[in-house]
Amino acid sequence: MNYWLFKSEPGCFSFDDLKNRPESTEHWDGVRNYQARNFLRDRVKTGDRVLFYHSNIPEPAVVGIATVVREGYPDFTAYDPHGEHFDPKSSPAAPIWYMVDVRYVEPLQKPVTLERIKANPLLSDMPLVKLSRLSIQPVTAEQWRIILAMGGMGT
């Protein structure tokens, strides 16, 4: 099993939105960064665990836990010319972008803010600290454990 941090702007799609979907499951679409796409296509696997991170808000934070329930497959939102994630270069015959399906697990007892993450020297190597704009990021097992502990979840 691998660990990941997935970023979403809560105004677009929040952790509560995931909870309220049928079966608390949704596809993670709209990723338009090649490095993040490669993670979704090649490395994110069924059963992997996800830290759900709310970004682009006054206090960005890890707010919950999800799990991957379907491995990478072509992101069909790229094919809709009226959709916000349309990419005319992508097609069903030659997909460029990929997505996975994730399922809500549980919220953290308390959000773990970016400020707290940056203040913890044990987390200084996290991509969130070093490559903050990347929307899909690997997390080590130790980083996962530390963030859960910071969120009041125990280990």
Protein backbone atom coordinates (compact mmCIF):
# COMPACT_ATOMS: atom_id res chain seq x y z
CA MET A 1 0.00 0.00 0.00
CA ASN A 2 1.13 3.53 -0.82
CA TYR A 3 0.16 6.84 0.73
CA TRP A 4 -0.79 10.01 -1.09
CA LEU A 5 -1.91 13.57 -0.54
CA PHE A 6 -4.63 14.77 -2.93
CA LYS A 7 -5.41 18.48 -3.07
CA SER A 8 -8.80 19.97 -3.78
CA GLU A 9 -10.24 23.43 -3.43
CA PRO A 10 -13.26 22.98 -1.15
CA GLY A 11 -15.26 25.44 -3.28
CA CYS A 12 -14.87 23.00 -6.19
CA PHE A 13 -14.94 19.65 -4.37
CA SER A 14 -14.67 19.24 -0.61
CA PHE A 15 -14.19 16.32 1.72
CA ASP A 16 -17.86 16.67 2.70
CA ASP A 17 -18.78 16.51 -1.00
CA LEU A 18 -16.99 13.16 -1.16
CA LYS A 19 -18.83 11.94 1.94
CA ASN A 20 -22.17 12.88 0.39
CA ARG A 21 -21.63 11.14 -2.96
CA PRO A 22 -23.34 7.79 -3.58
CA GLU A 23 -21.35 5.18 -1.69
CA SER A 24 -19.12 8.11 -0.59
CA THR A 25 -17.13 7.49 -3.77
CA GLU A 26 -16.14 9.80 -6.63
CA HIS A 27 -13.67 9.93 -9.50
CA TRP A 28 -10.74 12.31 -9.00
CA ASP A 29 -10.85 14.16 -12.29
CA GLY A 30 -9.48 17.34 -13.79
CA VAL A 31 -5.80 16.82 -12.98
CA ARG A 32 -3.90 18.69 -15.68
CA ASN A 33 -0.29 18.42 -14.55
CA TYR A 34 1.89 15.76 -16.19
CA GLN A 35 3.72 14.69 -13.03
CA ALA A 36 0.43 14.33 -11.11
CA ARG A 37 -1.08 12.54 -14.14
CA ASN A 38 1.81 10.08 -14.13
CA PHE A 39 1.17 9.30 -10.46
CA LEU A 40 -2.52 8.69 -11.19
CA ARG A 41 -1.82 6.62 -14.28
CA ASP A 42 1.17 4.59 -13.08
CA ARG A 43 1.53 4.54 -9.30
CA VAL A 44 -1.75 5.12 -7.46
CA LYS A 45 -3.28 1.68 -6.80
CA THR A 46 -6.47 0.27 -5.37
CA GLY A 47 -6.18 0.16 -1.58
CA ASP A 48 -3.76 3.09 -1.37
CA ARG A 49 -4.61 5.63 1.33
CA VAL A 50 -5.14 9.33 0.68
CA LEU A 51 -4.79 12.43 2.82
CA PHE A 52 -7.52 14.77 1.59
CA TYR A 53 -6.13 18.31 1.57
CA HIS A 54 -8.19 21.48 1.22
CA SER A 55 -6.17 24.03 -0.77
CA ASN A 56 -6.55 27.63 -1.86
CA ILE A 57 -8.31 28.72 1.34
CA PRO A 58 -7.10 30.98 4.17
CA GLU A 59 -5.85 28.00 6.20
CA PRO A 60 -5.06 25.11 3.84
CA ALA A 61 -5.15 21.80 5.70
CA VAL A 62 -5.35 18.03 5.62
CA VAL A 63 -8.95 17.39 6.69
CA GLY A 64 -9.62 13.70 6.14
CA ILE A 65 -8.73 10.25 4.92
CA ALA A 66 -9.88 8.53 1.74
CA THR A 67 -8.93 5.30 0.01
CA VAL A 68 -8.41 4.51 -3.66
CA VAL A 69 -11.07 2.11 -4.95
CA ARG A 70 -10.24 2.17 -8.68
CA GLU A 71 -6.83 2.51 -10.29
CA GLY A 72 -6.00 5.00 -13.02
CA TYR A 73 -8.18 5.16 -16.11
CA PRO A 74 -8.66 7.82 -18.81
CA ASP A 75 -10.21 11.06 -17.53
CA PHE A 76 -13.32 11.34 -19.67
CA THR A 77 -13.90 14.95 -18.56
CA ALA A 78 -11.13 15.92 -20.99
CA TYR A 79 -13.39 14.95 -23.90
CA ASP A 80 -16.31 17.30 -23.12
CA PRO A 81 -15.90 20.52 -25.13
CA HIS A 82 -18.33 22.28 -22.79
CA GLY A 83 -16.65 21.09 -19.58
CA GLU A 84 -14.14 23.02 -17.51
CA HIS A 85 -11.52 20.25 -17.88
CA PHE A 86 -11.73 19.94 -21.68
CA ASP A 87 -8.51 19.25 -23.56
CA PRO A 88 -8.90 19.09 -27.35
CA LYS A 89 -5.68 17.08 -27.64
CA SER A 90 -7.08 14.23 -25.52
CA SER A 91 -9.45 11.63 -26.97
CA PRO A 92 -10.76 8.17 -26.03
CA ALA A 93 -8.41 6.71 -28.67
CA ALA A 94 -5.41 8.65 -27.33
CA PRO A 95 -6.08 9.73 -23.75
CA ILE A 96 -3.68 12.18 -22.14
CA TRP A 97 -5.22 12.62 -18.70
CA TYR A 98 -6.07 10.01 -16.07
CA MET A 99 -8.12 9.78 -12.90
CA VAL A 100 -8.77 7.35 -10.06
CA ASP A 101 -11.82 6.73 -7.88
CA VAL A 102 -11.61 7.49 -4.18
CA ARG A 103 -13.88 6.67 -1.24
CA TYR A 104 -14.42 8.68 1.92
CA VAL A 105 -13.05 6.98 5.05
CA GLU A 106 -13.16 9.48 7.91
CA PRO A 107 -12.34 13.06 8.87
CA LEU A 108 -9.35 13.92 11.01
CA GLN A 109 -10.32 14.85 14.56
CA LYS A 110 -8.65 18.21 13.92
CA PRO A 111 -7.38 19.60 10.61
CA VAL A 112 -3.62 19.63 10.11
CA THR A 113 -2.83 23.01 8.62
CA LEU A 114 -0.05 23.72 6.16
CA GLU A 115 1.42 26.04 8.79
CA ARG A 116 1.66 23.15 11.28
CA ILE A 117 3.10 20.84 8.63
CA LYS A 118 5.79 23.37 7.71
CA ALA A 119 6.60 23.87 11.41
CA ASN A 120 7.25 20.16 11.95
CA PRO A 121 10.90 19.38 11.05
CA LEU A 122 9.99 15.71 10.53
CA LEU A 123 7.82 16.77 7.59
CA SER A 124 10.30 19.12 5.90
CA ASP A 125 10.90 16.67 3.03
CA MET A 126 7.22 16.38 2.08
CA PRO A 127 6.42 17.41 -1.47
CA LEU A 128 3.70 19.62 0.07
CA VAL A 129 6.48 21.71 1.59
CA LYS A 130 8.88 21.49 -1.37
CA LEU A 131 6.54 21.30 -4.41
CA SER A 132 3.47 22.95 -3.00
CA ARG A 133 1.64 23.34 -6.32
CA LEU A 134 1.55 19.63 -7.19
CA SER A 135 -2.02 18.33 -6.72
CA ILE A 136 -1.19 14.62 -6.29
CA GLN A 137 1.79 13.89 -4.07
CA PRO A 138 3.38 10.79 -2.57
CA VAL A 139 3.56 10.60 1.22
CA THR A 140 5.87 8.24 3.10
CA ALA A 141 4.49 5.87 5.72
CA GLU A 142 6.26 7.92 8.40
CA GLN A 143 4.81 11.21 7.11
CA TRP A 144 1.36 9.56 7.03
CA ARG A 145 1.73 8.45 10.65
CA ILE A 146 2.92 11.88 11.80
CA ILE A 147 0.09 13.74 10.06
CA LEU A 148 -2.52 11.37 11.46
CA ALA A 149 -1.07 11.86 14.94
CA MET A 150 -1.11 15.64 14.47
CA GLY A 151 -4.77 15.30 13.42
CA GLY A 152 -5.63 13.44 16.62
CA MET A 153 -6.00 10.08 14.95
CA GLY A 154 -3.41 8.01 16.78
CA THR A 155 -1.29 5.56 14.82
